[in-house]
Amino acid sequence: MAAHAFNVPLSSVFVDETSTDKVANTIPTAASMSTDLYGMATLNACREILYRIKPIRDRLGPEATLAEVATAAFFERIDLTAHGFYKLDDKRCGYDWDAPIIRENTLENLPENQHRGQPFNYFTQGVAVSEVEIDVLTGDHRTIRSDVIVDVGSSLNPSIDIGQIEGAFVQGMGWSTVEELIWGDKDHPWVQPPGRLFTQGPGTYKIPAFNDTPEIFNVTLMDTANPFAIHSSRAVGEPPFFLGASVFFAIKDAIRSTRIQELGEVAGQFVLNLPSTSERIRMSCGDPIALECLLPNVENENLSEGKEELSGFQPKGSF
């Protein structure tokens, strides 16, 4: 923001550590609003300095560097520091619980829970397509390819935005495939005492590693206008997270394919809960070995009698 405002190389900008002796009432650099808030605060401070040095820039001409302008401003005793601050416009972004709603050209005072507003300045849209391969014998899977496209407005830094999208996608992929929480309950009586979280460390709670990322991973940024944020950008911290669920749905599609191959069309509809762990994949495939566990009292040829049991079976997490 500062480099663009002062028209200087990015290497000329130094970012100091944050401290309450600079801004007393700051908030954390977190979530998808950081660029919107801190970017606008930075731009606010830059514009204040630019306003002060404008007479000197006009006098020295367009060929003068920022260093030359700053030197002249220093000797003319012009303040070259500025305190920038920004908050969202509450009148434009948020809910107005007292405002009536116009419905079908009629002004009505609707119940409180039916009032509307604009909770956000904008929404970040995206779509993902994933291709997977499952091992019906072990329940293992690998993500062959993922293609992701996200509308980030006019990207401020494509490298950072693509990195954010890749990281959020892989996090969402892990959340929907391998990250399973196991508690001591009636389904897991071997976890003692009851109520204890078993998957509470890296030895039992698995997150994606390097080999779990898509073998072919394509990320595309859309370049669109967004008049509500700094330099027409859009936040991209959390939005790509759920796009990782495309891997889960691809796994379910692969399971459906093998079930139809093994059991016929009647087995094409089934329930697969998140996360799609190797156990759930293996036991949902419906092959003859799995059928011995799923339907011990039903002959494979007489599948119609046991289809309710088959479709309702849900493997439990175990180690």
Foldseek 3Di string as FASTA:
>chain_A
DLCVLQVHDPVVDDDDDDDCVQPVDDDDCDDQCNCQWVVQQVVQFSVVLCVQLVVVCVVVDPVDHPVRSVVVCVVVPTDNGGGGGDDDDPVQADFDQPAFDQDPNDTDRDPSVPGDHHNDLDDKDKAKAWAKDADLAQLDIATAEMEMEIEFAADPDVVVLVVLLQVLLQQLLQFQAQFDWDACDPLCVVDPPGGDTPQDDCVRGPGDDPRRRHPYYHYHYDHHARVRGDPRTHGRRNVSNNNNCSVVVNLLVVLLVLLCVAQNPLLNAADAGGRSYSVQSNLLSNHPVSCCVQPVPDDSVRCVVVSVSNRPDGDDDDD
